[in-house]
Amino acid sequence: MKIAIIVPMAEEAEFYRNHFHSEKKEMFGSTEFEHFSVNGNDVYLGLSGIGKVQAAMNLASLLSNVDVDVIFMTGSAGALATDVHQEDLVLAKSFMYYDAHNTAAGDYVEGQIPQQPAQFVLDSPERAAFAKYLKEQNVAFREGLVVTGDSFVASSKQKDEIKATFPDALACEMEGAAFAQVAYAFKKPLVAMRAISDNGDGSASEDFDVFVKKVGAKAAELITDYIEKMN
């Protein structure tokens, strides 16, 4: 099986290198993917870069060159729901763009790109299998909507505006919906797990640097253990 692991930041990728030993490196798009062999599986680890365009470009470049069987997206996110807290894990069920406003362009809802689904729903067997693994490991996690935009949400005003439009959203981040849109176009299953690094409010700038490494390590530990146990 060919497995892609995509993370936005080098700090997050480092935790995977502690578990896997790279065999070779290849450039796809603007990023270098490291190739590992793990339990008979081919694993491609790369940085998406930050933001929607970087994420879409680098994942599409990889999928255009490698027939990947499943994509794991990890990284951090800011909490939106009041009962989602720092260090919580969120396994996305769907993605929308919080900065897409196209209701005046046709029969579209907030968060929808024209001629694309209203939501990018993640309902593959691969995602279900990973959710089952988390439950078997007694790992607490939340499932639901995550929203994506090209801004780092770091004020209560930004957060409240997003929550008003997407009251069911658990978290916000900067790449997930772009990953989901590319995976949808290539017909590839996406497993997207975000670890909450900040509250998405005025304290975000203070919290982010401290928590991103901690939650990145937590996500990487689970993903690597799962891949090492895959048949």
Foldseek 3Di string as FASTA:
>chain_A
DEEEEEEADPLLLVLLCVPFPFDDWDDFFHWIWTWTQAQNYIYTYIHQHFFAVSNLRRVLRVVVPDVHAEYEYEFAWAFQDPPADAQAKEWEQKEFAQPDDCVVVDPAAHRDDPPDDNILGQDDPVQVVLVVVCVVVVHDHHYYYEYADRDQQAAPVVSVSSCVRVVGHGTYGGHVRSNSRNCVVSVHHYTYMHGYQYNSHNCCVVRRVVRRSVSSSVVSVSVSVVRNPDD
